[in-house]
Amino acid sequence: MQLGLVLLLIDITCIVHAAKTGRFWPWGMVIFLIPGFGALAYLLFELVPEWFGSVQGQKARQRVVNTLDPQKHYRLLTDQLEVADTIANRAALAEECLELGKFGEAQRHYDHVLALPMGDDAVYVLGKARAQFGLGHAQEAVTTLDALRSRWPDYQSPEGHLLYARALEESGRMEEALFEYQAVADYYPGAEARVRYGLLLEKAGRRFEANAVLTEALARYKRASRYVRRMQSEWIARAEEALREHADV
């Protein structure tokens, strides 16, 4: 009984999807005339190839691979570096090290790249700062990012700017961090910068301002798509939690 109901729901879902995506003929009739097997055929011959061919599908597949074997891409990049020790190969391995939390190795690769005649690039300096921050060396990250600003004053990076604010915060330089958080929150593509700004305002005892910033952060995503809200779920949840705590005080 329950299995039959589940199959019926699957059939209906597939028929509705086929109709919405212009595939009703012939798939709608196939699913209707061959319950269960028709829906399975629709999934195998229409949706699965589309899913794996799409950008979202490829990213999802890569996430599955990374979950099953998180070191696979790291090993591949390590092998490529052994074959050809180029700036591109070493920088790619350094980036992968950052993703895996291998911050010490990442910093060594970036230091190597930056010492090369063609390796003097703001992107690699930022990578080194990310590694330093990951190692817990916040003040070193601040120094590295200050040098980046001095060397490339026109270089723009929302991620780098947010990292600078975080490193200042971790270094105990609260007022400077608040200034940088406020600046980066105005253009950072996501909720993290604004929520971090609100949380630091709260930490500084400026609760009224913190409430305003966190409330605004939530308002920005109130009417966002489900996909956007899912991508920002961590920071939406942190803002909501902070506001609830304020209300309970």
Foldseek 3Di string as FASTA:
>chain_A
DVVVVVQVVLLVVQCVVCVVVVNNVPLVVQCVVDGPVSSVCCCVPPVPVVLCPDPNSVVVVVVVVCVVPVCVVLVVLVVVCVVPVDLVSLQVNLVSCLVVLVLVSSLVSLVVQCVDPPSVDLVSLLSNLSSCVSVVNLVVSLVSVVVSCVVCVPDDDLVSLLSNLVSCVSVVVLVVSLVSLVVSCVPRPALVSLLVSLVSCVVVVNNVVSLVSLVVSLVVCPPPDPVRCVVRVVSVVSSVVVVVVVVVD
